[in-house]
Protein backbone atom coordinates (compact mmCIF):
# COMPACT_ATOMS: atom_id res chain seq x y z
CA MET A 1 0.72 -17.49 22.88
CA ASN A 2 0.10 -13.83 23.77
CA ILE A 3 -1.88 -11.38 21.64
CA GLY A 4 1.21 -9.68 20.21
CA THR A 5 2.72 -13.01 19.10
CA ALA A 6 -0.58 -14.19 17.65
CA THR A 7 -0.88 -10.95 15.66
CA ARG A 8 2.62 -11.34 14.22
CA VAL A 9 1.89 -14.95 13.23
CA LEU A 10 -1.34 -13.88 11.53
CA LEU A 11 0.37 -11.09 9.57
CA ALA A 12 3.14 -13.46 8.50
CA ALA A 13 0.56 -15.95 7.24
CA ILE A 14 -1.17 -13.18 5.28
CA ALA A 15 2.12 -12.12 3.73
CA VAL A 16 2.83 -15.69 2.65
CA ALA A 17 -0.62 -15.89 1.09
CA GLY A 18 0.32 -12.82 -0.93
CA LEU A 19 2.95 -14.86 -2.78
CA ALA A 20 0.15 -16.71 -4.56
CA ALA A 21 -1.88 -13.59 -5.24
CA THR A 22 -4.89 -13.72 -7.49
CA THR A 23 -5.84 -10.80 -9.73
CA VAL A 24 -9.17 -8.99 -9.66
CA GLN A 25 -9.84 -7.27 -12.98
CA LEU A 26 -11.86 -4.07 -12.80
CA SER A 27 -12.93 -1.86 -15.68
CA GLY A 28 -10.69 1.08 -14.91
CA PRO A 29 -11.86 4.69 -15.25
CA GLU A 30 -10.29 6.80 -17.98
CA ILE A 31 -9.61 10.50 -18.30
CA ALA A 32 -9.86 11.15 -22.04
CA SER A 33 -6.83 9.43 -23.50
CA ASP A 34 -5.46 11.53 -26.35
CA THR A 35 -2.26 9.74 -27.43
CA GLY A 36 -1.10 6.29 -28.36
CA ARG A 37 1.70 6.41 -25.82
CA PRO A 38 2.86 3.04 -24.41
CA ASP A 39 1.33 2.03 -21.10
CA SER A 40 3.19 2.45 -17.83
CA VAL A 41 2.80 -0.12 -15.03
CA LEU A 42 2.91 0.77 -11.35
CA THR A 43 2.45 -1.56 -8.38
CA LEU A 44 1.37 0.08 -5.12
CA THR A 45 1.37 -1.99 -1.95
CA ALA A 46 -0.32 -0.82 1.24
CA VAL A 47 1.79 -1.36 4.36
CA MET A 48 -0.35 -0.58 7.39
CA ALA A 49 2.35 -0.92 10.04
CA GLN A 50 4.33 1.83 8.34
CA GLY A 51 1.36 3.89 7.17
CA VAL A 52 2.48 4.03 3.52
CA TRP A 53 1.81 3.05 -0.06
CA THR A 54 5.09 1.75 -1.44
CA ASP A 55 6.27 0.94 -4.97
CA GLU A 56 8.79 -1.57 -3.62
CA GLU A 57 8.08 -5.29 -3.84
CA VAL A 58 6.72 -6.62 -0.53
CA THR A 59 7.04 -10.37 0.02
CA ALA A 60 6.90 -12.87 2.87
CA ALA A 61 10.68 -12.55 3.12
CA ASN A 62 10.76 -8.78 3.72
CA SER A 63 7.30 -7.95 5.08
CA TRP A 64 8.83 -7.35 8.54
CA ARG A 65 10.63 -4.24 7.29
CA ARG A 66 9.60 -0.78 8.51
CA ASP A 67 11.53 1.25 5.95
CA PHE A 68 9.69 0.67 2.69
CA ARG A 69 10.10 3.53 0.27
CA VAL A 70 7.13 5.87 -0.05
CA ALA A 71 5.84 5.86 -3.63
CA HIS A 72 5.93 9.19 -5.50
CA PRO A 73 4.93 8.08 -9.01
CA VAL A 74 5.35 10.39 -12.01
CA VAL A 75 3.74 9.79 -15.44
CA ARG A 76 3.50 11.79 -18.67
CA ARG A 77 0.25 13.40 -19.74
CA GLY A 78 -1.72 11.12 -22.03
CA GLN A 79 0.11 8.01 -20.89
CA THR A 80 -2.11 5.17 -19.68
CA LEU A 81 -1.08 4.01 -16.24
CA ARG A 82 -1.83 0.41 -15.29
CA LEU A 83 -2.16 0.38 -11.51
CA ARG A 84 -1.71 -2.87 -9.61
CA ILE A 85 -2.95 -2.37 -6.04
CA LYS A 86 -1.96 -4.82 -3.28
CA SER A 87 -2.08 -5.18 0.49
CA ALA A 88 0.83 -6.46 2.57
CA ASP A 89 -1.23 -7.05 5.70
CA VAL A 90 -4.91 -6.21 6.26
CA VAL A 91 -7.92 -5.08 4.23
CA HIS A 92 -7.51 -1.64 2.69
CA ALA A 93 -9.53 0.45 0.23
CA PHE A 94 -7.85 2.43 -2.57
CA SER A 95 -9.42 5.69 -3.73
CA ALA A 96 -8.19 8.33 -6.18
CA PRO A 97 -11.17 10.68 -6.64
CA ALA A 98 -9.34 13.21 -8.83
CA LEU A 99 -8.68 10.35 -11.27
CA GLY A 100 -12.25 9.11 -11.07
CA VAL A 101 -11.42 6.06 -8.96
CA ASP A 102 -14.07 5.35 -6.33
CA PRO A 103 -12.94 3.25 -3.34
CA VAL A 104 -12.09 -0.34 -4.28
CA VAL A 105 -11.47 -2.94 -1.59
CA VAL A 106 -7.97 -4.46 -1.56
CA TYR A 107 -7.68 -7.82 0.18
CA PRO A 108 -4.41 -9.45 1.25
CA GLY A 109 -3.38 -12.06 -1.30
CA ARG A 110 -5.19 -10.36 -4.19
CA VAL A 111 -4.29 -7.75 -6.77
CA VAL A 112 -6.70 -5.08 -8.00
CA GLU A 113 -5.89 -3.76 -11.46
CA LEU A 114 -6.98 -0.32 -12.66
CA ALA A 115 -6.17 1.76 -15.72
CA VAL A 116 -6.15 5.56 -15.72
CA THR A 117 -5.12 8.01 -18.42
CA ALA A 118 -4.57 11.59 -17.30
CA SER A 119 -5.42 14.28 -19.84
CA ARG A 120 -4.09 17.12 -17.71
CA THR A 121 -1.01 17.81 -15.66
CA GLY A 122 -1.06 18.22 -11.91
CA VAL A 123 -0.88 16.29 -8.66
CA PHE A 124 -3.60 13.71 -8.04
CA ASP A 125 -3.99 12.37 -4.51
CA TYR A 126 -4.89 8.82 -3.54
CA TYR A 127 -6.02 7.43 -0.19
CA CYS A 128 -6.88 4.41 1.91
CA THR A 129 -10.52 4.88 2.87
CA THR A 130 -10.95 1.90 5.21
CA VAL A 131 -9.73 2.44 8.76
CA CYS A 132 -7.11 -0.29 8.77
CA GLY A 133 -5.16 0.49 11.95
CA GLU A 134 -3.56 3.34 13.89
CA PRO A 135 -1.40 4.51 10.93
CA HIS A 136 -4.46 4.61 8.61
CA PHE A 137 -4.74 8.39 8.49
CA ALA A 138 -1.19 8.68 7.14
CA MET A 139 -1.94 6.37 4.21
CA ARG A 140 -2.22 9.01 1.52
CA GLY A 141 -0.04 9.62 -1.48
CA SER A 142 -0.01 11.46 -4.77
CA LEU A 143 0.64 10.81 -8.45
CA ARG A 144 2.21 13.60 -10.47
CA VAL A 145 1.36 14.05 -14.15
CA VAL A 146 3.85 16.08 -16.21
CA GLU A 147 4.33 17.13 -19.83
CA ASP A 148 6.98 15.67 -22.10
CA GLY A 149 10.17 17.64 -21.73
CA ASP A 150 9.40 18.80 -18.20
CA PRO A 151 12.47 18.75 -15.92
CA ALA A 152 12.93 15.82 -13.59
CA VAL A 153 10.78 16.07 -10.50
CA THR A 154 12.67 16.27 -7.23
CA PRO A 155 11.27 13.64 -4.86
CA ARG A 156 9.76 15.04 -1.70
CA LYS A 157 11.74 14.48 1.45
CA PRO A 158 10.22 11.87 3.74
CA SER A 159 8.59 13.21 6.87
CA ALA A 160 9.60 11.93 10.29
CA MET A 161 6.04 12.40 11.47
CA GLU A 162 4.49 9.19 12.78
CA TYR A 163 1.65 10.53 14.89
CA TRP A 164 0.63 7.11 16.27
CA ARG A 165 4.04 6.68 17.92
CA GLU A 166 3.97 9.97 19.84
CA PRO A 167 4.62 9.28 23.55
CA GLN A 168 1.91 10.20 26.04
CA PRO A 169 2.72 13.29 28.14
CA ARG A 170 3.57 12.88 31.80
CA ALA A 171 0.77 13.26 34.32
CA GLU A 172 2.22 16.55 35.60
CA ALA A 173 1.64 18.08 32.15
CA GLY A 174 -2.05 18.22 33.03
CA PRO A 175 -5.32 17.12 31.37
CA LEU A 176 -5.23 19.83 28.69
CA ALA A 177 -1.90 18.50 27.42
CA LEU A 178 -3.42 15.01 27.41
CA GLY A 179 -6.29 16.27 25.23
CA ALA A 180 -3.79 17.81 22.80
CA TRP A 181 -1.91 14.49 22.71
CA HIS A 182 -5.06 12.52 21.86
CA PHE A 183 -5.76 14.96 19.02
CA ARG A 184 -2.30 14.31 17.56
CA GLN A 185 -1.78 10.66 18.47
CA LYS A 186 -5.14 9.51 17.08
CA GLY A 187 -4.34 11.20 13.75
CA CYS A 188 -6.93 14.01 13.92
CA ILE A 189 -4.21 16.39 12.71
CA THR A 190 -4.00 14.59 9.35
CA CYS A 191 -7.49 15.80 8.43
CA HIS A 192 -8.06 18.86 10.60
CA GLY A 193 -4.49 20.13 10.33
CA PRO A 194 -1.86 20.91 12.97
CA ALA A 195 -3.46 22.84 15.85
CA GLY A 196 -6.84 22.21 14.20
CA ARG A 197 -6.34 24.97 11.62
CA GLY A 198 -8.02 22.98 8.87
CA GLY A 199 -7.60 23.63 5.16
CA ILE A 200 -7.15 19.96 4.18
CA SER A 201 -8.71 19.30 0.77
CA ASN A 202 -11.52 16.73 0.53
CA PRO A 203 -12.25 16.18 -3.19
CA ASN A 204 -15.92 16.26 -4.25
CA SER A 205 -17.07 17.08 -0.72
CA MET A 206 -19.77 19.68 -0.13
CA ASN A 207 -17.32 21.40 2.23
CA ALA A 208 -14.38 21.28 -0.26
CA VAL A 209 -12.03 21.16 2.74
CA VAL A 210 -12.21 19.42 6.10
CA PRO A 211 -13.62 21.89 8.65
CA ASP A 212 -11.14 23.69 10.89
CA LEU A 213 -11.48 23.18 14.64
CA ALA A 214 -9.45 26.11 15.94
CA THR A 215 -12.67 28.14 15.91
CA LEU A 216 -14.63 25.60 17.92
CA ALA A 217 -15.09 28.02 20.82
CA ARG A 218 -17.37 30.38 18.93
CA ARG A 219 -19.15 27.48 17.23
CA VAL A 220 -20.34 26.31 20.64
CA PHE A 221 -21.35 29.90 21.53
CA LEU A 222 -18.34 30.66 23.74
CA PHE A 223 -17.86 34.25 22.59
CA THR A 224 -15.67 35.51 25.42
CA ARG A 225 -12.43 34.22 26.86
CA LYS A 226 -14.10 34.09 30.29
CA ASP A 227 -16.76 31.72 28.93
CA GLY A 228 -14.09 29.58 27.28
CA VAL A 229 -12.13 29.27 30.51
CA ALA A 230 -15.26 28.36 32.49
CA PHE A 231 -16.25 25.77 29.88
CA ARG A 232 -12.82 24.14 29.91
CA GLU A 233 -12.74 24.02 33.71
CA VAL A 234 -15.96 22.02 33.77
CA LEU A 235 -14.73 19.58 31.10
CA LEU A 236 -11.32 19.15 32.71
CA SER A 237 -12.87 18.61 36.15
CA GLY A 238 -14.58 15.44 34.98
CA ARG A 239 -18.01 16.69 36.04
CA PRO A 240 -20.71 16.01 33.40
CA PHE A 241 -21.19 19.32 31.62
CA GLU A 242 -24.66 18.40 30.39
CA ALA A 243 -25.82 18.29 34.03
CA SER A 244 -24.05 21.49 35.10
CA GLY A 245 -26.18 24.44 36.16
CA GLN A 246 -25.54 28.18 36.00
CA ALA A 247 -22.74 27.68 38.53
CA ALA A 248 -20.61 26.60 35.59
CA GLY A 249 -20.13 30.34 34.91
CA VAL A 250 -20.88 30.02 31.19
CA SER A 251 -23.09 32.56 29.44
CA LEU A 252 -25.73 31.28 27.00
CA LEU A 253 -25.49 28.00 28.87
CA ALA A 254 -28.44 26.28 27.18
CA GLY A 255 -27.03 26.95 23.69
CA VAL A 256 -23.50 25.96 24.72
CA ARG A 257 -24.78 22.71 26.21
CA THR A 258 -26.72 21.85 23.04
CA GLN A 259 -23.76 22.55 20.76
CA TYR A 260 -21.33 20.72 23.01
CA LEU A 261 -23.50 17.59 23.12
CA ALA A 262 -23.86 17.70 19.32
CA TYR A 263 -20.07 17.84 18.83
CA ARG A 264 -19.50 15.05 21.33
CA GLN A 265 -22.04 12.90 19.49
CA LEU A 266 -20.32 13.68 16.18
CA VAL A 267 -16.98 12.48 17.57
CA ARG A 268 -18.59 9.31 18.93
CA GLU A 269 -20.66 8.37 15.88
CA GLY A 270 -18.79 9.99 12.98
CA ARG A 271 -20.28 11.34 9.75
CA GLN A 272 -19.92 10.54 6.07
CA SER A 273 -18.96 13.46 3.83
CA ALA A 274 -21.71 14.56 1.43
CA ARG A 275 -20.87 14.58 -2.29
CA LEU A 276 -20.79 17.91 -4.10
CA ASP A 277 -21.47 16.13 -7.41
CA ALA A 278 -23.92 13.30 -6.78
CA ASN A 279 -22.53 11.45 -9.80
CA GLY A 280 -18.90 12.09 -8.90
CA PRO A 281 -16.52 10.02 -6.79
CA ARG A 282 -17.08 9.57 -3.09
CA PRO A 283 -15.14 12.10 -0.93
CA PRO A 284 -12.20 10.22 0.61
CA LEU A 285 -12.16 11.89 4.04
CA ASP A 286 -15.07 10.95 6.29
CA MET A 287 -15.32 11.67 10.00
CA PRO A 288 -14.81 8.21 11.55
CA ALA A 289 -16.73 7.02 14.60
CA TRP A 290 -14.47 7.15 17.65
CA GLN A 291 -16.80 5.58 20.22
CA SER A 292 -14.80 2.34 20.35
CA ARG A 293 -11.41 4.08 20.53
CA LEU A 294 -12.04 7.09 22.77
CA THR A 295 -13.76 7.22 26.15
CA GLU A 296 -16.22 10.00 27.00
CA ARG A 297 -13.53 11.51 29.22
CA GLU A 298 -10.98 11.50 26.39
CA ILE A 299 -13.47 13.14 24.03
CA ASP A 300 -14.03 15.89 26.60
CA LEU A 301 -10.27 16.41 26.94
CA ILE A 302 -9.96 16.80 23.16
CA LEU A 303 -12.84 19.30 23.05
CA ALA A 304 -11.32 21.25 25.94
CA ASN A 305 -8.01 21.43 24.05
CA LEU A 306 -9.75 22.61 20.86
CA VAL A 307 -11.55 25.39 22.73
CA ASP A 308 -8.17 26.41 24.10
CA LEU A 309 -6.58 26.65 20.61
CA GLY A 310 -7.98 30.01 19.60
CA ASP A 311 -10.24 32.87 20.53
CA ALA A 312 -13.18 34.46 18.70
CA ASP A 313 -10.84 36.22 16.28
CA ALA A 314 -9.23 32.99 15.01
CA THR A 315 -9.60 32.31 11.27
CA PRO A 316 -9.11 29.05 9.37
CA ALA A 317 -6.04 28.47 7.27
CA LYS A 318 -6.10 28.65 3.46
CA PRO A 319 -6.75 25.31 1.69
CA VAL A 320 -3.70 23.06 1.41
CA THR A 321 -3.09 19.61 -0.04
CA PRO A 322 -3.87 16.63 2.20
CA PHE A 323 -1.21 15.33 4.55
CA SER A 324 0.64 12.39 3.09
CA LYS A 325 3.64 10.42 4.22
CA GLY A 326 6.63 12.13 2.71
CA GLU A 327 5.34 15.71 2.91
CA ALA A 328 6.60 18.07 5.55
CA GLN A 329 4.01 19.58 7.83
């Protein structure tokens, strides 16, 4: 039995186990309930292979599908929502920081139950905060809270963007194009934005938004286009930049080297987002450690591409809502 077949058998067994799901009761957070409105019940199932949270029923009989509907739940203000969170495949973690829900682990074959009551209208995002597979970074959604009498909400059109399926560029496209591909195909764009322009909200984070990367050049002390070109040439050549001397043609070489090594270490080891409110929910978007999924060469190609994205006059984009499946980019 090959690895692919073994994986499919394992996932099928997990799906079958889900038919006899047990329920884990948690004391759900509340947001100041102010009405006696009847409860609403919503089941959200995480489907890793598709990178979505769906409100459709997922069973052993249909778990093979790759077209589950993306959930876009809508509730009325003051209405208590009973959330039933499930996994169709692997271990996930559900987090909805704007609703006061810290990450809760969701195991296959179990159901996590939460209750939330929204006292204000708006759009409240939810996330998977455990790296569950390549589509993990797309596993974000939102719950809309509206007033009684508000017009029907038009569902958002599904996006065709599945970053993890993007084909690798041909060799003749060059190493810089390969670095840009890694940045997209690994899902970096879902947090740092298309072309690294940033502006992705990270609730209760000290930074408020995920840092942009289009200004990486000046952050590593590459203040002229000539320095940027020289820096990229060294990275793209495959020579170890940390061992390069003045022949690299980069001004402020000692500072550039220090900053470059710090960024490369950050990509390798990751970093957890610091909370703005120490008593508030954990920020959902951490920088994951990529050392087991990217080689040193691939990290250098990504950094070279980011330096190439903008010059010293580049400015980050205005804050926007996080990328989620079903929202156009």
